[in-house]
Amino acid sequence: LADWASLESVGPARQWDREVVRGSLHDGEFSIWYLDQGRLAAAL
């Protein structure tokens, strides 16, 4: 998004039932892990 934010992801997750945040959304340095029934479906 211009020079304001860049994202990378692997997956993709068609559905998930839990999100786990690693790092800080506030500081703009984080990863989000998308879990579906305990298994990793995708990560951002």
PDB file of all heavy atoms in Angstrom:
ATOM      1  N   LEU A   1       0.869  -1.172   0.000  1.00  0.00           N
ATOM      2  CA  LEU A   1       0.000   0.000   0.000  1.00  0.00           C
ATOM      3  C   LEU A   1       0.909   1.225   0.000  1.00  0.00           C
ATOM      4  O   LEU A   1       1.238   1.773   1.054  1.00  0.00           O
ATOM      5  CB  LEU A   1      -0.919  -0.016   1.216  1.00  0.00           C
ATOM      6  CG  LEU A   1      -1.813  -1.263   1.353  1.00  0.00           C
ATOM      7  CD1 LEU A   1      -2.604  -1.214   2.641  1.00  0.00           C
ATOM      8  CD2 LEU A   1      -2.729  -1.411   0.146  1.00  0.00           C
ATOM      9  N   ALA A   2       1.345   1.626  -1.207  1.00  0.00           N
ATOM     10  CA  ALA A   2       2.356   2.674  -1.367  1.00  0.00           C
ATOM     11  C   ALA A   2       3.552   2.303  -0.498  1.00  0.00           C
ATOM     12  O   ALA A   2       3.966   1.146  -0.471  1.00  0.00           O
ATOM     13  CB  ALA A   2       1.772   4.039  -1.026  1.00  0.00           C
ATOM     14  N   ASP A   3       4.117   3.260   0.224  1.00  0.00           N
ATOM     15  CA  ASP A   3       5.202   2.967   1.164  1.00  0.00           C
ATOM     16  C   ASP A   3       4.694   2.920   2.596  1.00  0.00           C
ATOM     17  O   ASP A   3       5.486   2.972   3.545  1.00  0.00           O
ATOM     18  CB  ASP A   3       6.302   4.043   1.058  1.00  0.00           C
ATOM     19  CG  ASP A   3       6.985   4.045  -0.301  1.00  0.00           C
ATOM     20  OD1 ASP A   3       7.148   2.953  -0.875  1.00  0.00           O
ATOM     21  OD2 ASP A   3       7.341   5.135  -0.790  1.00  0.00           O
ATOM     22  N   TRP A   4       3.387   2.799   2.767  1.00  0.00           N
ATOM     23  CA  TRP A   4       2.784   2.918   4.092  1.00  0.00           C
ATOM     24  C   TRP A   4       2.678   1.586   4.815  1.00  0.00           C
ATOM     25  O   TRP A   4       2.708   1.544   6.034  1.00  0.00           O
ATOM     26  CB  TRP A   4       1.392   3.543   3.982  1.00  0.00           C
ATOM     27  CG  TRP A   4       1.347   4.733   3.079  1.00  0.00           C
ATOM     28  CD1 TRP A   4       2.366   5.633   2.844  1.00  0.00           C
ATOM     29  CD2 TRP A   4       0.243   5.158   2.270  1.00  0.00           C
ATOM     30  NE1 TRP A   4       1.958   6.585   1.948  1.00  0.00           N
ATOM     31  CE2 TRP A   4       0.657   6.328   1.581  1.00  0.00           C
ATOM     32  CE3 TRP A   4      -1.044   4.693   2.075  1.00  0.00           C
ATOM     33  CZ2 TRP A   4      -0.177   7.009   0.706  1.00  0.00           C
ATOM     34  CZ3 TRP A   4      -1.889   5.369   1.205  1.00  0.00           C
ATOM     35  CH2 TRP A   4      -1.449   6.516   0.526  1.00  0.00           C
ATOM     36  N   ALA A   5       2.510   0.499   4.076  1.00  0.00           N
ATOM     37  CA  ALA A   5       2.399  -0.828   4.691  1.00  0.00           C
ATOM     38  C   ALA A   5       2.587  -1.877   3.609  1.00  0.00           C
ATOM     39  O   ALA A   5       2.140  -1.702   2.472  1.00  0.00           O
ATOM     40  CB  ALA A   5       1.037  -1.012   5.368  1.00  0.00           C
ATOM     41  N   SER A   6       3.257  -2.955   3.974  1.00  0.00           N
ATOM     42  CA  SER A   6       3.441  -4.078   3.065  1.00  0.00           C
ATOM     43  C   SER A   6       3.060  -5.358   3.801  1.00  0.00           C
ATOM     44  O   SER A   6       3.372  -5.510   4.987  1.00  0.00           O
ATOM     45  CB  SER A   6       4.899  -4.183   2.598  1.00  0.00           C
ATOM     46  OG  SER A   6       5.274  -3.047   1.853  1.00  0.00           O
ATOM     47  N   LEU A   7       2.382  -6.234   3.096  1.00  0.00           N
ATOM     48  CA  LEU A   7       2.005  -7.500   3.711  1.00  0.00           C
ATOM     49  C   LEU A   7       2.492  -8.654   2.854  1.00  0.00           C
ATOM     50  O   LEU A   7       2.629  -8.543   1.638  1.00  0.00           O
ATOM     51  CB  LEU A   7       0.488  -7.581   3.907  1.00  0.00           C
ATOM     52  CG  LEU A   7      -0.415  -7.713   2.666  1.00  0.00           C
ATOM     53  CD1 LEU A   7      -0.642  -9.174   2.285  1.00  0.00           C
ATOM     54  CD2 LEU A   7      -1.762  -7.036   2.910  1.00  0.00           C
ATOM     55  N   GLU A   8       2.768  -9.765   3.529  1.00  0.00           N
ATOM     56  CA  GLU A   8       3.074 -11.030   2.878  1.00  0.00           C
ATOM     57  C   GLU A   8       2.209 -12.097   3.531  1.00  0.00           C
ATOM     58  O   GLU A   8       1.908 -12.008   4.729  1.00  0.00           O
ATOM     59  CB  GLU A   8       4.547 -11.408   3.060  1.00  0.00           C
ATOM     60  CG  GLU A   8       5.543 -10.427   2.485  1.00  0.00           C
ATOM     61  CD  GLU A   8       6.958 -10.847   2.815  1.00  0.00           C
ATOM     62  OE1 GLU A   8       7.422 -10.495   3.921  1.00  0.00           O
ATOM     63  OE2 GLU A   8       7.594 -11.541   1.999  1.00  0.00           O
ATOM     64  N   SER A   9       1.832 -13.102   2.769  1.00  0.00           N
ATOM     65  CA  SER A   9       1.040 -14.170   3.366  1.00  0.00           C
ATOM     66  C   SER A   9       1.329 -15.492   2.671  1.00  0.00           C
ATOM     67  O   SER A   9       1.757 -15.535   1.517  1.00  0.00           O
ATOM     68  CB  SER A   9      -0.457 -13.862   3.271  1.00  0.00           C
ATOM     69  OG  SER A   9      -0.911 -13.946   1.927  1.00  0.00           O
ATOM     70  N   VAL A  10       1.101 -16.568   3.387  1.00  0.00           N
ATOM     71  CA  VAL A  10       1.139 -17.916   2.833  1.00  0.00           C
ATOM     72  C   VAL A  10      -0.161 -18.589   3.235  1.00  0.00           C
ATOM     73  O   VAL A  10      -0.748 -18.292   4.267  1.00  0.00           O
ATOM     74  CB  VAL A  10       2.360 -18.726   3.331  1.00  0.00           C
ATOM     75  CG1 VAL A  10       3.645 -18.157   2.776  1.00  0.00           C
ATOM     76  CG2 VAL A  10       2.417 -18.781   4.853  1.00  0.00           C
ATOM     77  N   GLY A  11      -0.616 -19.496   2.429  1.00  0.00           N
ATOM     78  CA  GLY A  11      -1.889 -20.171   2.710  1.00  0.00           C
ATOM     79  C   GLY A  11      -2.496 -20.717   1.427  1.00  0.00           C
ATOM     80  O   GLY A  11      -1.878 -21.554   0.772  1.00  0.00           O
ATOM     81  N   PRO A  12      -3.620 -20.166   1.007  1.00  0.00           N
ATOM     82  CA  PRO A  12      -4.470 -19.203   1.718  1.00  0.00           C
ATOM     83  C   PRO A  12      -5.441 -19.919   2.647  1.00  0.00           C
ATOM     84  O   PRO A  12      -5.621 -21.137   2.545  1.00  0.00           O
ATOM     85  CB  PRO A  12      -5.227 -18.534   0.574  1.00  0.00           C
ATOM     86  CG  PRO A  12      -5.400 -19.644  -0.428  1.00  0.00           C
ATOM     87  CD  PRO A  12      -4.142 -20.483  -0.319  1.00  0.00           C
ATOM     88  N   ALA A  13      -6.086 -19.179   3.551  1.00  0.00           N
ATOM     89  CA  ALA A  13      -7.097 -19.750   4.434  1.00  0.00           C
ATOM     90  C   ALA A  13      -8.478 -19.500   3.853  1.00  0.00           C
ATOM     91  O   ALA A  13      -8.882 -18.355   3.701  1.00  0.00           O
ATOM     92  CB  ALA A  13      -7.000 -19.136   5.825  1.00  0.00           C
ATOM     93  N   ARG A  14      -9.170 -20.560   3.485  1.00  0.00           N
ATOM     94  CA  ARG A  14     -10.555 -20.410   3.027  1.00  0.00           C
ATOM     95  C   ARG A  14     -11.475 -20.203   4.227  1.00  0.00           C
ATOM     96  O   ARG A  14     -12.508 -19.543   4.126  1.00  0.00           O
ATOM     97  CB  ARG A  14     -10.982 -21.650   2.239  1.00  0.00           C
ATOM     98  CG  ARG A  14     -10.152 -21.932   1.001  1.00  0.00           C
ATOM     99  CD  ARG A  14     -10.121 -20.755   0.059  1.00  0.00           C
ATOM    100  NE  ARG A  14      -9.412 -21.048  -1.171  1.00  0.00           N
ATOM    101  CZ  ARG A  14      -8.993 -20.141  -2.032  1.00  0.00           C
ATOM    102  NH1 ARG A  14      -9.209 -18.861  -1.791  1.00  0.00           N
ATOM    103  NH2 ARG A  14      -8.351 -20.483  -3.133  1.00  0.00           N
ATOM    104  N   GLN A  15     -11.086 -20.798   5.350  1.00  0.00           N
ATOM    105  CA  GLN A  15     -11.852 -20.616   6.578  1.00  0.00           C
ATOM    106  C   GLN A  15     -10.906 -20.818   7.757  1.00  0.00           C
ATOM    107  O   GLN A  15      -9.871 -21.466   7.635  1.00  0.00           O
ATOM    108  CB  GLN A  15     -13.009 -21.619   6.657  1.00  0.00           C
ATOM    109  CG  GLN A  15     -12.557 -23.083   6.687  1.00  0.00           C
ATOM    110  CD  GLN A  15     -13.720 -24.044   6.717  1.00  0.00           C
ATOM    111  OE1 GLN A  15     -14.774 -23.768   6.152  1.00  0.00           O
ATOM    112  NE2 GLN A  15     -13.542 -25.180   7.380  1.00  0.00           N
ATOM    113  N   TRP A  16     -11.244 -20.227   8.868  1.00  0.00           N
ATOM    114  CA  TRP A  16     -10.464 -20.420  10.083  1.00  0.00           C
ATOM    115  C   TRP A  16     -11.351 -20.146  11.280  1.00  0.00           C
ATOM    116  O   TRP A  16     -12.359 -19.444  11.191  1.00  0.00           O
ATOM    117  CB  TRP A  16      -9.228 -19.529  10.099  1.00  0.00           C
ATOM    118  CG  TRP A  16      -9.461 -18.049  10.111  1.00  0.00           C
ATOM    119  CD1 TRP A  16      -9.600 -17.236  11.207  1.00  0.00           C
ATOM    120  CD2 TRP A  16      -9.606 -17.184   8.966  1.00  0.00           C
ATOM    121  NE1 TRP A  16      -9.799 -15.937  10.829  1.00  0.00           N
ATOM    122  CE2 TRP A  16      -9.802 -15.866   9.458  1.00  0.00           C
ATOM    123  CE3 TRP A  16      -9.559 -17.371   7.586  1.00  0.00           C
ATOM    124  CZ2 TRP A  16      -9.985 -14.772   8.620  1.00  0.00           C
ATOM    125  CZ3 TRP A  16      -9.738 -16.285   6.757  1.00  0.00           C
ATOM    126  CH2 TRP A  16      -9.942 -15.000   7.266  1.00  0.00           C
ATOM    127  N   ASP A  17     -10.993 -20.725  12.427  1.00  0.00           N
ATOM    128  CA  ASP A  17     -11.786 -20.541  13.632  1.00  0.00           C
ATOM    129  C   ASP A  17     -11.017 -19.842  14.747  1.00  0.00           C
ATOM    130  O   ASP A  17     -11.544 -19.631  15.832  1.00  0.00           O
ATOM    131  CB  ASP A  17     -12.337 -21.888  14.143  1.00  0.00           C
ATOM    132  CG  ASP A  17     -11.259 -22.951  14.292  1.00  0.00           C
ATOM    133  OD1 ASP A  17     -10.103 -22.598  14.620  1.00  0.00           O
ATOM    134  OD2 ASP A  17     -11.564 -24.140  14.077  1.00  0.00           O
ATOM    135  N   ARG A  18      -9.738 -19.518  14.472  1.00  0.00           N
ATOM    136  CA  ARG A  18      -8.952 -18.817  15.486  1.00  0.00           C
ATOM    137  C   ARG A  18      -7.835 -18.018  14.834  1.00  0.00           C
ATOM    138  O   ARG A  18      -7.248 -18.462  13.848  1.00  0.00           O
ATOM    139  CB  ARG A  18      -8.347 -19.834  16.470  1.00  0.00           C
ATOM    140  CG  ARG A  18      -7.594 -19.187  17.632  1.00  0.00           C
ATOM    141  CD  ARG A  18      -6.963 -20.213  18.536  1.00  0.00           C
ATOM    142  NE  ARG A  18      -6.227 -19.572  19.614  1.00  0.00           N
ATOM    143  CZ  ARG A  18      -5.418 -20.203  20.466  1.00  0.00           C
ATOM    144  NH1 ARG A  18      -5.259 -21.506  20.366  1.00  0.00           N
ATOM    145  NH2 ARG A  18      -4.765 -19.537  21.406  1.00  0.00           N
ATOM    146  N   GLU A  19      -7.572 -16.832  15.378  1.00  0.00           N
ATOM    147  CA  GLU A  19      -6.437 -16.016  14.951  1.00  0.00           C
ATOM    148  C   GLU A  19      -5.505 -15.810  16.137  1.00  0.00           C
ATOM    149  O   GLU A  19      -5.959 -15.470  17.235  1.00  0.00           O
ATOM    150  CB  GLU A  19      -6.900 -14.647  14.434  1.00  0.00           C
ATOM    151  CG  GLU A  19      -7.787 -14.707  13.199  1.00  0.00           C
ATOM    152  CD  GLU A  19      -8.241 -13.329  12.757  1.00  0.00           C
ATOM    153  OE1 GLU A  19      -7.608 -12.334  13.180  1.00  0.00           O
ATOM    154  OE2 GLU A  19      -9.234 -13.237  12.016  1.00  0.00           O
ATOM    155  N   VAL A  20      -4.216 -16.022  15.906  1.00  0.00           N
ATOM    156  CA  VAL A  20      -3.209 -15.786  16.940  1.00  0.00           C
ATOM    157  C   VAL A  20      -2.265 -14.703  16.433  1.00  0.00           C
ATOM    158  O   VAL A  20      -1.689 -14.846  15.344  1.00  0.00           O
ATOM    159  CB  VAL A  20      -2.417 -17.069  17.271  1.00  0.00           C
ATOM    160  CG1 VAL A  20      -1.341 -16.769  18.324  1.00  0.00           C
ATOM    161  CG2 VAL A  20      -3.352 -18.164  17.763  1.00  0.00           C
ATOM    162  N   VAL A  21      -2.114 -13.626  17.203  1.00  0.00           N
ATOM    163  CA  VAL A  21      -1.254 -12.518  16.809  1.00  0.00           C
ATOM    164  C   VAL A  21       0.101 -12.657  17.489  1.00  0.00           C
ATOM    165  O   VAL A  21       0.186 -12.840  18.705  1.00  0.00           O
ATOM    166  CB  VAL A  21      -1.887 -11.164  17.176  1.00  0.00           C
ATOM    167  CG1 VAL A  21      -0.947 -10.015  16.799  1.00  0.00           C
ATOM    168  CG2 VAL A  21      -3.230 -10.996  16.483  1.00  0.00           C
ATOM    169  N   ARG A  22       1.157 -12.562  16.705  1.00  0.00           N
ATOM    170  CA  ARG A  22       2.529 -12.590  17.211  1.00  0.00           C
ATOM    171  C   ARG A  22       3.156 -11.238  16.907  1.00  0.00           C
ATOM    172  O   ARG A  22       3.143 -10.794  15.755  1.00  0.00           O
ATOM    173  CB  ARG A  22       3.305 -13.720  16.524  1.00  0.00           C
ATOM    174  CG  ARG A  22       4.742 -13.936  17.012  1.00  0.00           C
ATOM    175  CD  ARG A  22       5.365 -15.083  16.223  1.00  0.00           C
ATOM    176  NE  ARG A  22       6.734 -15.349  16.596  1.00  0.00           N
ATOM    177  CZ  ARG A  22       7.113 -16.184  17.555  1.00  0.00           C
ATOM    178  NH1 ARG A  22       6.183 -16.840  18.242  1.00  0.00           N
ATOM    179  NH2 ARG A  22       8.381 -16.383  17.832  1.00  0.00           N
ATOM    180  N   GLY A  23       3.680 -10.549  17.906  1.00  0.00           N
ATOM    181  CA  GLY A  23       4.182  -9.202  17.688  1.00  0.00           C
ATOM    182  C   GLY A  23       3.119  -8.177  18.047  1.00  0.00           C
ATOM    183  O   GLY A  23       2.196  -8.450  18.817  1.00  0.00           O
ATOM    184  N   SER A  24       3.235  -6.979  17.471  1.00  0.00           N
ATOM    185  CA  SER A  24       2.374  -5.869  17.867  1.00  0.00           C
ATOM    186  C   SER A  24       1.688  -5.227  16.669  1.00  0.00           C
ATOM    187  O   SER A  24       2.346  -4.671  15.784  1.00  0.00           O
ATOM    188  CB  SER A  24       3.201  -4.805  18.605  1.00  0.00           C
ATOM    189  OG  SER A  24       2.444  -3.639  18.834  1.00  0.00           O
ATOM    190  N   LEU A  25       0.357  -5.290  16.674  1.00  0.00           N
ATOM    191  CA  LEU A  25      -0.413  -4.573  15.657  1.00  0.00           C
ATOM    192  C   LEU A  25      -0.206  -3.078  15.804  1.00  0.00           C
ATOM    193  O   LEU A  25      -0.138  -2.346  14.809  1.00  0.00           O
ATOM    194  CB  LEU A  25      -1.897  -4.919  15.797  1.00  0.00           C
ATOM    195  CG  LEU A  25      -2.348  -6.284  15.277  1.00  0.00           C
ATOM    196  CD1 LEU A  25      -3.658  -6.686  15.920  1.00  0.00           C
ATOM    197  CD2 LEU A  25      -2.483  -6.260  13.766  1.00  0.00           C
ATOM    198  N   HIS A  26      -0.097  -2.615  17.021  1.00  0.00           N
ATOM    199  CA  HIS A  26       0.069  -1.183  17.276  1.00  0.00           C
ATOM    200  C   HIS A  26       1.380  -0.667  16.695  1.00  0.00           C
ATOM    201  O   HIS A  26       1.436   0.422  16.109  1.00  0.00           O
ATOM    202  CB  HIS A  26       0.022  -0.906  18.783  1.00  0.00           C
ATOM    203  CG  HIS A  26       0.184   0.535  19.136  1.00  0.00           C
ATOM    204  ND1 HIS A  26       1.406   1.103  19.445  1.00  0.00           N
ATOM    205  CD2 HIS A  26      -0.732   1.550  19.211  1.00  0.00           C
ATOM    206  CE1 HIS A  26       1.245   2.380  19.692  1.00  0.00           C
ATOM    207  NE2 HIS A  26      -0.043   2.683  19.565  1.00  0.00           N
ATOM    208  N   ASP A  27       2.436  -1.451  16.827  1.00  0.00           N
ATOM    209  CA  ASP A  27       3.749  -1.031  16.326  1.00  0.00           C
ATOM    210  C   ASP A  27       3.930  -1.309  14.840  1.00  0.00           C
ATOM    211  O   ASP A  27       4.928  -0.886  14.240  1.00  0.00           O
ATOM    212  CB  ASP A  27       4.864  -1.725  17.111  1.00  0.00           C
ATOM    213  CG  ASP A  27       4.897  -1.304  18.575  1.00  0.00           C
ATOM    214  OD1 ASP A  27       4.396  -0.211  18.868  1.00  0.00           O
ATOM    215  OD2 ASP A  27       5.401  -2.079  19.409  1.00  0.00           O
ATOM    216  N   GLY A  28       2.988  -2.037  14.245  1.00  0.00           N
ATOM    217  CA  GLY A  28       3.078  -2.322  12.812  1.00  0.00           C
ATOM    218  C   GLY A  28       4.108  -3.364  12.454  1.00  0.00           C
ATOM    219  O   GLY A  28       4.604  -3.382  11.317  1.00  0.00           O
ATOM    220  N   GLU A  29       4.433  -4.250  13.398  1.00  0.00           N
ATOM    221  CA  GLU A  29       5.347  -5.359  13.119  1.00  0.00           C
ATOM    222  C   GLU A  29       4.758  -6.601  13.780  1.00  0.00           C
ATOM    223  O   GLU A  29       4.861  -6.785  14.991  1.00  0.00           O
ATOM    224  CB  GLU A  29       6.748  -5.070  13.668  1.00  0.00           C
ATOM    225  CG  GLU A  29       7.779  -6.115  13.257  1.00  0.00           C
ATOM    226  CD  GLU A  29       9.194  -5.721  13.616  1.00  0.00           C
ATOM    227  OE1 GLU A  29       9.594  -4.590  13.277  1.00  0.00           O
ATOM    228  OE2 GLU A  29       9.892  -6.546  14.230  1.00  0.00           O
ATOM    229  N   PHE A  30       4.111  -7.432  12.984  1.00  0.00           N
ATOM    230  CA  PHE A  30       3.358  -8.551  13.553  1.00  0.00           C
ATOM    231  C   PHE A  30       3.149  -9.640  12.502  1.00  0.00           C
ATOM    232  O   PHE A  30       3.342  -9.425  11.303  1.00  0.00           O
ATOM    233  CB  PHE A  30       1.986  -8.066  14.046  1.00  0.00           C
ATOM    234  CG  PHE A  30       1.113  -7.488  12.959  1.00  0.00           C
ATOM    235  CD1 PHE A  30       0.242  -8.290  12.228  1.00  0.00           C
ATOM    236  CD2 PHE A  30       1.166  -6.128  12.648  1.00  0.00           C
ATOM    237  CE1 PHE A  30      -0.551  -7.755  11.222  1.00  0.00           C
ATOM    238  CE2 PHE A  30       0.371  -5.581  11.655  1.00  0.00           C
ATOM    239  CZ  PHE A  30      -0.486  -6.397  10.944  1.00  0.00           C
ATOM    240  N   SER A  31       2.732 -10.794  12.991  1.00  0.00           N
ATOM    241  CA  SER A  31       2.222 -11.846  12.116  1.00  0.00           C
ATOM    242  C   SER A  31       0.927 -12.357  12.726  1.00  0.00           C
ATOM    243  O   SER A  31       0.752 -12.321  13.949  1.00  0.00           O
ATOM    244  CB  SER A  31       3.228 -12.988  11.945  1.00  0.00           C
ATOM    245  OG  SER A  31       3.597 -13.553  13.189  1.00  0.00           O
ATOM    246  N   ILE A  32       0.010 -12.771  11.874  1.00  0.00           N
ATOM    247  CA  ILE A  32      -1.251 -13.357  12.318  1.00  0.00           C
ATOM    248  C   ILE A  32      -1.324 -14.777  11.778  1.00  0.00           C
ATOM    249  O   ILE A  32      -1.108 -15.011  10.585  1.00  0.00           O
ATOM    250  CB  ILE A  32      -2.460 -12.525  11.865  1.00  0.00           C
ATOM    251  CG1 ILE A  32      -2.370 -11.097  12.408  1.00  0.00           C
ATOM    252  CG2 ILE A  32      -3.761 -13.174  12.334  1.00  0.00           C
ATOM    253  CD1 ILE A  32      -3.536 -10.203  12.026  1.00  0.00           C
ATOM    254  N   TRP A  33      -1.623 -15.707  12.676  1.00  0.00           N
ATOM    255  CA  TRP A  33      -1.658 -17.128  12.335  1.00  0.00           C
ATOM    256  C   TRP A  33      -3.114 -17.577  12.352  1.00  0.00           C
ATOM    257  O   TRP A  33      -3.811 -17.410  13.358  1.00  0.00           O
ATOM    258  CB  TRP A  33      -0.819 -17.925  13.339  1.00  0.00           C
ATOM    259  CG  TRP A  33       0.596 -17.426  13.406  1.00  0.00           C
ATOM    260  CD1 TRP A  33       1.024 -16.218  13.902  1.00  0.00           C
ATOM    261  CD2 TRP A  33       1.757 -18.095  12.922  1.00  0.00           C
ATOM    262  NE1 TRP A  33       2.385 -16.102  13.763  1.00  0.00           N
ATOM    263  CE2 TRP A  33       2.866 -17.238  13.167  1.00  0.00           C
ATOM    264  CE3 TRP A  33       1.988 -19.332  12.317  1.00  0.00           C
ATOM    265  CZ2 TRP A  33       4.163 -17.582  12.822  1.00  0.00           C
ATOM    266  CZ3 TRP A  33       3.281 -19.690  11.980  1.00  0.00           C
ATOM    267  CH2 TRP A  33       4.355 -18.815  12.229  1.00  0.00           C
ATOM    268  N   TYR A  34      -3.568 -18.132  11.240  1.00  0.00           N
ATOM    269  CA  TYR A  34      -4.973 -18.509  11.067  1.00  0.00           C
ATOM    270  C   TYR A  34      -5.097 -20.017  11.213  1.00  0.00           C
ATOM    271  O   TYR A  34      -4.556 -20.783  10.400  1.00  0.00           O
ATOM    272  CB  TYR A  34      -5.472 -18.050   9.696  1.00  0.00           C
ATOM    273  CG  TYR A  34      -5.324 -16.558   9.483  1.00  0.00           C
ATOM    274  CD1 TYR A  34      -4.152 -16.020   8.959  1.00  0.00           C
ATOM    275  CD2 TYR A  34      -6.353 -15.688   9.831  1.00  0.00           C
ATOM    276  CE1 TYR A  34      -4.014 -14.653   8.780  1.00  0.00           C
ATOM    277  CE2 TYR A  34      -6.221 -14.314   9.646  1.00  0.00           C
ATOM    278  CZ  TYR A  34      -5.047 -13.802   9.122  1.00  0.00           C
ATOM    279  OH  TYR A  34      -4.908 -12.451   8.946  1.00  0.00           O
ATOM    280  N   LEU A  35      -5.806 -20.438  12.248  1.00  0.00           N
ATOM    281  CA  LEU A  35      -5.926 -21.851  12.594  1.00  0.00           C
ATOM    282  C   LEU A  35      -7.320 -22.367  12.282  1.00  0.00           C
ATOM    283  O   LEU A  35      -8.319 -21.674  12.497  1.00  0.00           O
ATOM    284  CB  LEU A  35      -5.619 -22.058  14.075  1.00  0.00           C
ATOM    285  CG  LEU A  35      -4.188 -21.696  14.485  1.00  0.00           C
ATOM    286  CD1 LEU A  35      -4.131 -21.257  15.926  1.00  0.00           C
ATOM    287  CD2 LEU A  35      -3.255 -22.857  14.227  1.00  0.00           C
ATOM    288  N   ASP A  36      -7.373 -23.576  11.773  1.00  0.00           N
ATOM    289  CA  ASP A  36      -8.641 -24.249  11.494  1.00  0.00           C
ATOM    290  C   ASP A  36      -8.598 -25.609  12.179  1.00  0.00           C
ATOM    291  O   ASP A  36      -7.847 -26.492  11.777  1.00  0.00           O
ATOM    292  CB  ASP A  36      -8.842 -24.412   9.984  1.00  0.00           C
ATOM    293  CG  ASP A  36     -10.205 -24.986   9.631  1.00  0.00           C
ATOM    294  OD1 ASP A  36     -11.109 -24.934  10.491  1.00  0.00           O
ATOM    295  OD2 ASP A  36     -10.360 -25.497   8.510  1.00  0.00           O
ATOM    296  N   GLN A  37      -9.366 -25.727  13.250  1.00  0.00           N
ATOM    297  CA  GLN A  37      -9.402 -26.957  14.045  1.00  0.00           C
ATOM    298  C   GLN A  37      -8.001 -27.396  14.488  1.00  0.00           C
ATOM    299  O   GLN A  37      -7.644 -28.573  14.425  1.00  0.00           O
ATOM    300  CB  GLN A  37     -10.086 -28.085  13.251  1.00  0.00           C
ATOM    301  CG  GLN A  37     -11.528 -27.766  12.897  1.00  0.00           C
ATOM    302  CD  GLN A  37     -12.224 -28.890  12.149  1.00  0.00           C
ATOM    303  OE1 GLN A  37     -11.606 -29.881  11.789  1.00  0.00           O
ATOM    304  NE2 GLN A  37     -13.512 -28.738  11.915  1.00  0.00           N
ATOM    305  N   GLY A  38      -7.230 -26.418  14.947  1.00  0.00           N
ATOM    306  CA  GLY A  38      -5.925 -26.709  15.510  1.00  0.00           C
ATOM    307  C   GLY A  38      -4.789 -26.777  14.515  1.00  0.00           C
ATOM    308  O   GLY A  38      -3.624 -26.834  14.910  1.00  0.00           O
ATOM    309  N   ARG A  39      -5.104 -26.762  13.232  1.00  0.00           N
ATOM    310  CA  ARG A  39      -4.065 -26.828  12.201  1.00  0.00           C
ATOM    311  C   ARG A  39      -3.906 -25.469  11.529  1.00  0.00           C
ATOM    312  O   ARG A  39      -4.884 -24.749  11.335  1.00  0.00           O
ATOM    313  CB  ARG A  39      -4.395 -27.900  11.157  1.00  0.00           C
ATOM    314  CG  ARG A  39      -4.323 -29.315  11.710  1.00  0.00           C
ATOM    315  CD  ARG A  39      -4.755 -30.358  10.688  1.00  0.00           C
ATOM    316  NE  ARG A  39      -4.458 -31.709  11.136  1.00  0.00           N
ATOM    317  CZ  ARG A  39      -5.193 -32.400  12.013  1.00  0.00           C
ATOM    318  NH1 ARG A  39      -6.303 -31.850  12.507  1.00  0.00           N
ATOM    319  NH2 ARG A  39      -4.850 -33.620  12.368  1.00  0.00           N
ATOM    320  N   LEU A  40      -2.665 -25.153  11.158  1.00  0.00           N
ATOM    321  CA  LEU A  40      -2.416 -23.862  10.537  1.00  0.00           C
ATOM    322  C   LEU A  40      -2.918 -23.855   9.104  1.00  0.00           C
ATOM    323  O   LEU A  40      -2.528 -24.705   8.288  1.00  0.00           O
ATOM    324  CB  LEU A  40      -0.918 -23.534  10.566  1.00  0.00           C
ATOM    325  CG  LEU A  40      -0.566 -22.121  10.105  1.00  0.00           C
ATOM    326  CD1 LEU A  40      -1.142 -21.081  11.057  1.00  0.00           C
ATOM    327  CD2 LEU A  40       0.944 -21.945   9.991  1.00  0.00           C
ATOM    328  N   ALA A  41      -3.783 -22.886   8.788  1.00  0.00           N
ATOM    329  CA  ALA A  41      -4.325 -22.767   7.438  1.00  0.00           C
ATOM    330  C   ALA A  41      -3.613 -21.681   6.644  1.00  0.00           C
ATOM    331  O   ALA A  41      -3.486 -21.791   5.424  1.00  0.00           O
ATOM    332  CB  ALA A  41      -5.823 -22.470   7.492  1.00  0.00           C
ATOM    333  N   ALA A  42      -3.142 -20.633   7.325  1.00  0.00           N
ATOM    334  CA  ALA A  42      -2.483 -19.522   6.639  1.00  0.00           C
ATOM    335  C   ALA A  42      -1.785 -18.652   7.663  1.00  0.00           C
ATOM    336  O   ALA A  42      -2.016 -18.771   8.874  1.00  0.00           O
ATOM    337  CB  ALA A  42      -3.501 -18.691   5.850  1.00  0.00           C
ATOM    338  N   ALA A  43      -0.913 -17.786   7.170  1.00  0.00           N
ATOM    339  CA  ALA A  43      -0.245 -16.815   8.040  1.00  0.00           C
ATOM    340  C   ALA A  43      -0.020 -15.537   7.260  1.00  0.00           C
ATOM    341  O   ALA A  43       0.244 -15.560   6.056  1.00  0.00           O
ATOM    342  CB  ALA A  43       1.079 -17.359   8.564  1.00  0.00           C
ATOM    343  N   LEU A  44      -0.124 -14.425   7.948  1.00  0.00           N
ATOM    344  CA  LEU A  44       0.082 -13.089   7.389  1.00  0.00           C
ATOM    345  C   LEU A  44       1.222 -12.428   8.140  1.00  0.00           C
ATOM    346  O   LEU A  44       1.308 -12.533   9.368  1.00  0.00           O
ATOM    347  CB  LEU A  44      -1.195 -12.266   7.544  1.00  0.00           C
ATOM    348  CG  LEU A  44      -1.083 -10.746   7.380  1.00  0.00           C
ATOM    349  CD1 LEU A  44      -0.912 -10.389   5.916  1.00  0.00           C
ATOM    350  CD2 LEU A  44      -2.314 -10.055   7.959  1.00  0.00           C
TER     351      LEU A  44
END
